[in-house]
Amino acid sequence: MREIQLKDAKATLSAVVDQAVAGEPSVITRHGKPEAVLVSFEEWERVSKVPSFADLLLAFPGDGDDIPERRRKPARALREGL
């Protein structure tokens, strides 16, 4: 992934977009700090459809009895190292 300064990305936006579409994303920097990433729309769609961890847990096909009960210590015992 290449880095490009914001002012250069503005001046060559068409080329930067063409590279993203070709599979080469660019990190846009401002004052040396990464500020944004330009990726193709196809790549953005792919990564934006990744389910959250909560969605994955909710989609678990088993019953509640499939997961063993967890023995828990009170938070105070954990802090005191018991």
N, C-alpha and C. Protein backbone atom coordinates (compact mmCIF):
# COMPACT_ATOMS: atom_id res chain seq x y z
N MET A 1 0.87 -1.16 0.00
CA MET A 1 0.00 0.00 0.00
C MET A 1 0.91 1.22 0.00
N ARG A 2 0.66 2.09 -0.93
CA ARG A 2 1.52 3.27 -1.04
C ARG A 2 0.95 4.43 -0.23
N GLU A 3 1.83 5.32 0.18
CA GLU A 3 1.42 6.54 0.88
C GLU A 3 1.55 7.71 -0.07
N ILE A 4 0.59 8.61 0.03
CA ILE A 4 0.62 9.80 -0.81
C ILE A 4 0.11 10.99 0.01
N GLN A 5 0.77 12.12 -0.12
CA GLN A 5 0.35 13.31 0.60
C GLN A 5 -0.96 13.82 0.00
N LEU A 6 -1.78 14.43 0.84
CA LEU A 6 -3.08 14.92 0.42
C LEU A 6 -2.98 15.86 -0.78
N LYS A 7 -2.02 16.77 -0.74
CA LYS A 7 -1.90 17.73 -1.85
C LYS A 7 -1.58 17.02 -3.16
N ASP A 8 -0.76 15.94 -3.08
CA ASP A 8 -0.43 15.18 -4.29
C ASP A 8 -1.62 14.33 -4.74
N ALA A 9 -2.37 13.81 -3.79
CA ALA A 9 -3.56 13.03 -4.14
C ALA A 9 -4.59 13.91 -4.85
N LYS A 10 -4.74 15.16 -4.39
CA LYS A 10 -5.66 16.10 -5.05
C LYS A 10 -5.21 16.35 -6.49
N ALA A 11 -3.92 16.57 -6.66
CA ALA A 11 -3.40 16.91 -7.98
C ALA A 11 -3.48 15.75 -8.96
N THR A 12 -3.44 14.52 -8.44
CA THR A 12 -3.44 13.33 -9.31
C THR A 12 -4.58 12.38 -8.96
N LEU A 13 -5.72 12.95 -8.57
CA LEU A 13 -6.83 12.13 -8.08
C LEU A 13 -7.23 11.04 -9.07
N SER A 14 -7.32 11.37 -10.32
CA SER A 14 -7.72 10.38 -11.33
C SER A 14 -6.78 9.17 -11.31
N ALA A 15 -5.49 9.41 -11.25
CA ALA A 15 -4.51 8.32 -11.24
C ALA A 15 -4.61 7.51 -9.95
N VAL A 16 -4.82 8.19 -8.83
CA VAL A 16 -4.93 7.51 -7.53
C VAL A 16 -6.17 6.61 -7.54
N VAL A 17 -7.27 7.09 -8.09
CA VAL A 17 -8.49 6.28 -8.18
C VAL A 17 -8.25 5.10 -9.12
N ASP A 18 -7.60 5.32 -10.25
CA ASP A 18 -7.32 4.22 -11.18
C ASP A 18 -6.49 3.14 -10.50
N GLN A 19 -5.52 3.54 -9.70
CA GLN A 19 -4.69 2.56 -8.99
C GLN A 19 -5.51 1.78 -7.96
N ALA A 20 -6.40 2.46 -7.27
CA ALA A 20 -7.26 1.78 -6.29
C ALA A 20 -8.14 0.76 -6.98
N VAL A 21 -8.70 1.12 -8.12
CA VAL A 21 -9.55 0.20 -8.88
C VAL A 21 -8.74 -0.99 -9.36
N ALA A 22 -7.47 -0.77 -9.66
CA ALA A 22 -6.59 -1.84 -10.11
C ALA A 22 -6.09 -2.71 -8.95
N GLY A 23 -6.50 -2.39 -7.72
CA GLY A 23 -6.14 -3.22 -6.58
C GLY A 23 -5.02 -2.68 -5.72
N GLU A 24 -4.59 -1.44 -5.96
CA GLU A 24 -3.52 -0.85 -5.16
C GLU A 24 -4.07 0.33 -4.36
N PRO A 25 -4.49 0.09 -3.11
CA PRO A 25 -5.01 1.18 -2.30
C PRO A 25 -3.91 2.17 -1.92
N SER A 26 -4.31 3.37 -1.56
CA SER A 26 -3.36 4.41 -1.16
C SER A 26 -3.73 4.97 0.20
N VAL A 27 -2.72 5.16 1.03
CA VAL A 27 -2.91 5.84 2.31
C VAL A 27 -2.68 7.32 2.04
N ILE A 28 -3.69 8.12 2.36
CA ILE A 28 -3.59 9.58 2.18
C ILE A 28 -3.09 10.16 3.49
N THR A 29 -2.00 10.92 3.42
CA THR A 29 -1.42 11.51 4.63
C THR A 29 -1.59 13.02 4.60
N ARG A 30 -1.66 13.59 5.81
CA ARG A 30 -1.69 15.04 5.96
C ARG A 30 -0.68 15.38 7.05
N HIS A 31 0.28 16.20 6.71
CA HIS A 31 1.35 16.57 7.63
C HIS A 31 2.07 15.33 8.17
N GLY A 32 2.23 14.33 7.30
CA GLY A 32 2.96 13.11 7.66
C GLY A 32 2.16 12.07 8.44
N LYS A 33 0.90 12.38 8.77
CA LYS A 33 0.07 11.45 9.53
C LYS A 33 -0.96 10.81 8.62
N PRO A 34 -1.14 9.47 8.69
CA PRO A 34 -2.18 8.82 7.89
C PRO A 34 -3.56 9.36 8.27
N GLU A 35 -4.34 9.76 7.28
CA GLU A 35 -5.67 10.33 7.53
C GLU A 35 -6.78 9.50 6.90
N ALA A 36 -6.51 8.86 5.75
CA ALA A 36 -7.56 8.12 5.05
C ALA A 36 -6.91 7.07 4.16
N VAL A 37 -7.74 6.12 3.72
CA VAL A 37 -7.28 5.11 2.77
C VAL A 37 -8.25 5.11 1.60
N LEU A 38 -7.71 5.15 0.40
CA LEU A 38 -8.54 5.10 -0.79
C LEU A 38 -8.46 3.69 -1.36
N VAL A 39 -9.61 3.02 -1.37
CA VAL A 39 -9.72 1.67 -1.92
C VAL A 39 -10.80 1.66 -2.98
N SER A 40 -10.83 0.62 -3.79
CA SER A 40 -11.87 0.52 -4.80
C SER A 40 -13.22 0.31 -4.13
N PHE A 41 -14.28 0.63 -4.84
CA PHE A 41 -15.62 0.44 -4.31
C PHE A 41 -15.87 -1.04 -4.05
N GLU A 42 -15.36 -1.89 -4.93
CA GLU A 42 -15.52 -3.34 -4.76
C GLU A 42 -14.88 -3.81 -3.44
N GLU A 43 -13.69 -3.32 -3.16
CA GLU A 43 -13.00 -3.69 -1.91
C GLU A 43 -13.76 -3.14 -0.70
N TRP A 44 -14.24 -1.91 -0.79
CA TRP A 44 -15.01 -1.34 0.31
C TRP A 44 -16.27 -2.15 0.58
N GLU A 45 -16.97 -2.57 -0.47
CA GLU A 45 -18.16 -3.40 -0.28
C GLU A 45 -17.80 -4.72 0.41
N ARG A 46 -16.68 -5.31 -0.01
CA ARG A 46 -16.26 -6.59 0.57
C ARG A 46 -15.99 -6.46 2.07
N VAL A 47 -15.23 -5.46 2.46
CA VAL A 47 -14.87 -5.34 3.88
C VAL A 47 -16.00 -4.76 4.73
N SER A 48 -16.91 -4.03 4.12
CA SER A 48 -17.99 -3.45 4.91
C SER A 48 -19.08 -4.47 5.22
N LYS A 49 -19.05 -5.62 4.57
CA LYS A 49 -20.05 -6.65 4.82
C LYS A 49 -19.60 -7.68 5.84
N VAL A 50 -18.45 -7.48 6.44
CA VAL A 50 -17.95 -8.41 7.45
C VAL A 50 -18.86 -8.30 8.68
N PRO A 51 -19.42 -9.43 9.13
CA PRO A 51 -20.32 -9.36 10.28
C PRO A 51 -19.56 -9.02 11.56
N SER A 52 -20.26 -8.40 12.47
CA SER A 52 -19.66 -8.09 13.76
C SER A 52 -19.57 -9.38 14.59
N PHE A 53 -18.76 -9.35 15.62
CA PHE A 53 -18.64 -10.51 16.50
C PHE A 53 -19.99 -10.85 17.13
N ALA A 54 -20.74 -9.82 17.49
CA ALA A 54 -22.07 -10.05 18.08
C ALA A 54 -22.99 -10.75 17.08
N ASP A 55 -22.94 -10.35 15.81
CA ASP A 55 -23.76 -11.01 14.78
C ASP A 55 -23.37 -12.48 14.64
N LEU A 56 -22.07 -12.75 14.70
CA LEU A 56 -21.62 -14.14 14.60
C LEU A 56 -22.11 -14.96 15.79
N LEU A 57 -22.06 -14.38 16.99
CA LEU A 57 -22.56 -15.10 18.17
C LEU A 57 -24.06 -15.34 18.07
N LEU A 58 -24.79 -14.35 17.60
CA LEU A 58 -26.25 -14.50 17.48
C LEU A 58 -26.62 -15.53 16.42
N ALA A 59 -25.74 -15.75 15.45
CA ALA A 59 -26.01 -16.73 14.39
C ALA A 59 -25.58 -18.14 14.78
N PHE A 60 -25.06 -18.32 15.98
CA PHE A 60 -24.62 -19.65 16.43
C PHE A 60 -25.78 -20.63 16.32
N PRO A 61 -25.58 -21.74 15.60
CA PRO A 61 -26.69 -22.64 15.32
C PRO A 61 -27.08 -23.56 16.48
N GLY A 62 -26.30 -23.63 17.53
CA GLY A 62 -26.57 -24.56 18.62
C GLY A 62 -27.59 -24.04 19.61
N ASP A 63 -27.90 -24.90 20.56
CA ASP A 63 -28.78 -24.53 21.66
C ASP A 63 -27.94 -23.98 22.81
N GLY A 64 -28.61 -23.35 23.75
CA GLY A 64 -27.92 -22.82 24.90
C GLY A 64 -27.21 -23.89 25.71
N ASP A 65 -27.74 -25.12 25.66
CA ASP A 65 -27.13 -26.23 26.41
C ASP A 65 -25.83 -26.71 25.78
N ASP A 66 -25.55 -26.30 24.55
CA ASP A 66 -24.32 -26.72 23.87
C ASP A 66 -23.08 -26.07 24.44
N ILE A 67 -23.26 -24.96 25.12
CA ILE A 67 -22.12 -24.22 25.67
C ILE A 67 -22.02 -24.50 27.16
N PRO A 68 -20.89 -25.06 27.61
CA PRO A 68 -20.78 -25.36 29.04
C PRO A 68 -20.82 -24.10 29.89
N GLU A 69 -21.38 -24.23 31.06
CA GLU A 69 -21.45 -23.09 31.97
C GLU A 69 -20.06 -22.75 32.45
N ARG A 70 -19.79 -21.48 32.53
CA ARG A 70 -18.46 -21.01 32.91
C ARG A 70 -18.44 -20.73 34.40
N ARG A 71 -17.43 -21.24 35.07
CA ARG A 71 -17.28 -20.94 36.50
C ARG A 71 -16.66 -19.56 36.60
N ARG A 72 -17.28 -18.71 37.35
CA ARG A 72 -16.81 -17.34 37.45
C ARG A 72 -16.40 -17.03 38.88
N LYS A 73 -15.33 -16.29 38.98
CA LYS A 73 -14.90 -15.78 40.28
C LYS A 73 -15.40 -14.35 40.40
N PRO A 74 -15.72 -13.93 41.60
CA PRO A 74 -16.10 -12.52 41.77
C PRO A 74 -14.94 -11.61 41.37
N ALA A 75 -15.25 -10.44 40.87
CA ALA A 75 -14.23 -9.50 40.40
C ALA A 75 -13.22 -9.18 41.50
N ARG A 76 -13.70 -9.12 42.75
CA ARG A 76 -12.80 -8.81 43.86
C ARG A 76 -11.74 -9.90 44.01
N ALA A 77 -12.14 -11.17 43.87
CA ALA A 77 -11.19 -12.27 43.98
C ALA A 77 -10.17 -12.21 42.85
N LEU A 78 -10.59 -11.82 41.66
CA LEU A 78 -9.66 -11.70 40.55
C LEU A 78 -8.62 -10.61 40.80
N ARG A 79 -9.07 -9.48 41.34
CA ARG A 79 -8.14 -8.38 41.62
C ARG A 79 -7.13 -8.75 42.69
N GLU A 80 -7.59 -9.53 43.68
CA GLU A 80 -6.71 -9.88 44.79
C GLU A 80 -5.87 -11.12 44.48
N GLY A 81 -6.08 -11.72 43.30
CA GLY A 81 -5.28 -12.87 42.89
C GLY A 81 -5.67 -14.15 43.60
N LEU A 82 -6.91 -14.26 44.05
CA LEU A 82 -7.36 -15.48 44.72
C LEU A 82 -7.77 -16.55 43.75
